[in-house]
Amino acid sequence: MNSLSVRKDDVVVILSGKDKGRKGKVLATYPKENKVLVEGINVSKRHSKPRKSTDPGGIIEKECPIYAPKVMRVCPKCQKPTRGSFEVAEDGTKSRVCKKCGDTI
């Protein structure tokens, strides 16, 4: 099982691809597939026919997962993309730390 450097509700910046440079919030992570789902990123369009009277029909836009190595977490304090690092406290608890400003994420 792969471990991901980003978690749900983290703000990330896209490093490569058609959405390069855009920011978005992580909606879900898929560690087994090494993918993340980011809000407003990698949007695909589906032509959908309404199956029930309540279902919408037409062109529906939906976010698709992208590979986790293509995203980098943004520090909430300094607003810069940073690689993840961990700091272990004396009581044994681990916390995520920004490599640029040293703040706990």
C-alpha atoms as a PDB file:
ATOM      1  CA  MET A   1       0.000   0.000   0.000  1.00  0.00           C
ATOM      2  CA  ASN A   2       1.336   3.422  -0.961  1.00  0.00           C
ATOM      3  CA  SER A   3       1.325   6.322   1.438  1.00  0.00           C
ATOM      4  CA  LEU A   4       0.423   9.719   0.059  1.00  0.00           C
ATOM      5  CA  SER A   5       1.986  13.023   1.088  1.00  0.00           C
ATOM      6  CA  VAL A   6      -1.362  14.821   0.828  1.00  0.00           C
ATOM      7  CA  ARG A   7      -4.577  14.283   2.745  1.00  0.00           C
ATOM      8  CA  LYS A   8      -8.205  15.188   2.308  1.00  0.00           C
ATOM      9  CA  ASP A   9      -8.916  18.958   2.625  1.00  0.00           C
ATOM     10  CA  ASP A  10      -5.282  19.925   1.833  1.00  0.00           C
ATOM     11  CA  VAL A  11      -4.782  22.714  -0.703  1.00  0.00           C
ATOM     12  CA  VAL A  12      -2.477  21.567  -3.506  1.00  0.00           C
ATOM     13  CA  VAL A  13      -0.906  23.047  -6.636  1.00  0.00           C
ATOM     14  CA  ILE A  14      -0.699  21.043  -9.873  1.00  0.00           C
ATOM     15  CA  LEU A  15       2.874  20.520 -11.108  1.00  0.00           C
ATOM     16  CA  SER A  16       2.303  19.194 -14.632  1.00  0.00           C
ATOM     17  CA  GLY A  17      -0.358  18.561 -17.226  1.00  0.00           C
ATOM     18  CA  LYS A  18      -3.144  20.681 -18.692  1.00  0.00           C
ATOM     19  CA  ASP A  19      -3.970  22.245 -15.288  1.00  0.00           C
ATOM     20  CA  LYS A  20      -0.355  23.141 -14.394  1.00  0.00           C
ATOM     21  CA  GLY A  21      -0.100  25.963 -11.852  1.00  0.00           C
ATOM     22  CA  ARG A  22      -3.730  25.801 -10.698  1.00  0.00           C
ATOM     23  CA  LYS A  23      -4.675  25.323  -7.054  1.00  0.00           C
ATOM     24  CA  GLY A  24      -7.454  23.203  -5.619  1.00  0.00           C
ATOM     25  CA  LYS A  25      -8.654  21.372  -2.529  1.00  0.00           C
ATOM     26  CA  VAL A  26      -8.215  17.601  -2.236  1.00  0.00           C
ATOM     27  CA  LEU A  27     -11.656  15.978  -2.128  1.00  0.00           C
ATOM     28  CA  ALA A  28     -10.530  12.343  -1.820  1.00  0.00           C
ATOM     29  CA  THR A  29      -7.399  10.199  -1.860  1.00  0.00           C
ATOM     30  CA  TYR A  30      -6.925   6.747  -3.366  1.00  0.00           C
ATOM     31  CA  PRO A  31      -3.704   5.322  -1.859  1.00  0.00           C
ATOM     32  CA  LYS A  32      -3.939   1.924  -3.579  1.00  0.00           C
ATOM     33  CA  GLU A  33      -4.074   3.616  -6.995  1.00  0.00           C
ATOM     34  CA  ASN A  34      -1.664   6.427  -5.941  1.00  0.00           C
ATOM     35  CA  LYS A  35      -4.204   9.053  -7.071  1.00  0.00           C
ATOM     36  CA  VAL A  36      -5.995  12.076  -5.616  1.00  0.00           C
ATOM     37  CA  LEU A  37      -9.236  13.835  -6.543  1.00  0.00           C
ATOM     38  CA  VAL A  38      -8.838  17.625  -6.634  1.00  0.00           C
ATOM     39  CA  GLU A  39     -11.711  20.111  -6.789  1.00  0.00           C
ATOM     40  CA  GLY A  40     -12.018  21.770 -10.209  1.00  0.00           C
ATOM     41  CA  ILE A  41      -8.972  19.984 -11.669  1.00  0.00           C
ATOM     42  CA  ASN A  42      -8.912  17.374 -14.478  1.00  0.00           C
ATOM     43  CA  VAL A  43     -12.556  17.970 -15.359  1.00  0.00           C
ATOM     44  CA  SER A  44     -14.044  15.676 -17.999  1.00  0.00           C
ATOM     45  CA  LYS A  45     -17.389  16.035 -19.762  1.00  0.00           C
ATOM     46  CA  ARG A  46     -19.924  13.212 -20.011  1.00  0.00           C
ATOM     47  CA  HIS A  47     -22.919  13.183 -22.320  1.00  0.00           C
ATOM     48  CA  SER A  48     -25.643  11.768 -20.109  1.00  0.00           C
ATOM     49  CA  LYS A  49     -29.163  10.668 -20.886  1.00  0.00           C
ATOM     50  CA  PRO A  50     -31.653  11.076 -18.012  1.00  0.00           C
ATOM     51  CA  ARG A  51     -32.600   7.602 -16.756  1.00  0.00           C
ATOM     52  CA  LYS A  52     -35.191   8.819 -14.227  1.00  0.00           C
ATOM     53  CA  SER A  53     -37.354  11.905 -14.218  1.00  0.00           C
ATOM     54  CA  THR A  54     -35.160  13.417 -11.478  1.00  0.00           C
ATOM     55  CA  ASP A  55     -31.803  12.732 -13.205  1.00  0.00           C
ATOM     56  CA  PRO A  56     -30.235  15.605 -15.113  1.00  0.00           C
ATOM     57  CA  GLY A  57     -29.528  15.069 -18.771  1.00  0.00           C
ATOM     58  CA  GLY A  58     -27.081  16.765 -21.108  1.00  0.00           C
ATOM     59  CA  ILE A  59     -23.368  17.442 -20.718  1.00  0.00           C
ATOM     60  CA  ILE A  60     -22.221  16.805 -17.137  1.00  0.00           C
ATOM     61  CA  GLU A  61     -18.791  17.932 -15.921  1.00  0.00           C
ATOM     62  CA  LYS A  62     -17.021  15.668 -13.444  1.00  0.00           C
ATOM     63  CA  GLU A  63     -13.598  15.722 -11.755  1.00  0.00           C
ATOM     64  CA  CYS A  64     -11.362  12.714 -12.392  1.00  0.00           C
ATOM     65  CA  PRO A  65      -8.489  11.511 -10.184  1.00  0.00           C
ATOM     66  CA  ILE A  66      -4.914  12.468 -11.083  1.00  0.00           C
ATOM     67  CA  TYR A  67      -1.617  10.904 -10.043  1.00  0.00           C
ATOM     68  CA  ALA A  68      -0.408  12.006  -6.629  1.00  0.00           C
ATOM     69  CA  PRO A  69       3.171  12.823  -7.773  1.00  0.00           C
ATOM     70  CA  LYS A  70       1.679  15.573  -9.987  1.00  0.00           C
ATOM     71  CA  VAL A  71       0.502  17.588  -6.970  1.00  0.00           C
ATOM     72  CA  MET A  72       2.328  19.393  -4.173  1.00  0.00           C
ATOM     73  CA  ARG A  73       0.827  20.602  -0.907  1.00  0.00           C
ATOM     74  CA  VAL A  74       0.581  24.373  -0.308  1.00  0.00           C
ATOM     75  CA  CYS A  75       1.491  25.675   3.156  1.00  0.00           C
ATOM     76  CA  PRO A  76      -1.468  27.544   4.689  1.00  0.00           C
ATOM     77  CA  LYS A  77       0.831  30.083   6.374  1.00  0.00           C
ATOM     78  CA  CYS A  78       3.363  31.068   3.685  1.00  0.00           C
ATOM     79  CA  GLN A  79       1.167  30.082   0.669  1.00  0.00           C
ATOM     80  CA  LYS A  80       4.109  28.349  -1.053  1.00  0.00           C
ATOM     81  CA  PRO A  81       4.205  24.802  -2.440  1.00  0.00           C
ATOM     82  CA  THR A  82       6.270  22.657  -0.117  1.00  0.00           C
ATOM     83  CA  ARG A  83       7.443  19.100   0.086  1.00  0.00           C
ATOM     84  CA  GLY A  84       6.093  17.242   3.079  1.00  0.00           C
ATOM     85  CA  SER A  85       8.208  16.493   6.124  1.00  0.00           C
ATOM     86  CA  PHE A  86       7.402  15.140   9.545  1.00  0.00           C
ATOM     87  CA  GLU A  87       8.571  16.174  12.987  1.00  0.00           C
ATOM     88  CA  VAL A  88       8.391  13.801  15.935  1.00  0.00           C
ATOM     89  CA  ALA A  89       7.690  15.407  19.304  1.00  0.00           C
ATOM     90  CA  GLU A  90       9.133  14.131  22.580  1.00  0.00           C
ATOM     91  CA  ASP A  91       5.845  12.435  23.479  1.00  0.00           C
ATOM     92  CA  GLY A  92       6.010  10.438  20.215  1.00  0.00           C
ATOM     93  CA  THR A  93       3.361  12.280  18.185  1.00  0.00           C
ATOM     94  CA  LYS A  94       4.130  13.089  14.556  1.00  0.00           C
ATOM     95  CA  SER A  95       3.125  16.346  12.902  1.00  0.00           C
ATOM     96  CA  ARG A  96       3.503  17.641   9.349  1.00  0.00           C
ATOM     97  CA  VAL A  97       5.871  20.588   8.941  1.00  0.00           C
ATOM     98  CA  CYS A  98       6.441  23.101   6.141  1.00  0.00           C
ATOM     99  CA  LYS A  99      10.009  22.937   4.822  1.00  0.00           C
ATOM    100  CA  LYS A 100       9.982  26.623   3.785  1.00  0.00           C
ATOM    101  CA  CYS A 101       8.672  28.420   6.887  1.00  0.00           C
ATOM    102  CA  GLY A 102       8.878  25.677   9.562  1.00  0.00           C
ATOM    103  CA  ASP A 103       5.221  26.025  10.564  1.00  0.00           C
ATOM    104  CA  THR A 104       3.119  23.013  11.566  1.00  0.00           C
ATOM    105  CA  ILE A 105       0.492  22.114   8.984  1.00  0.00           C
END
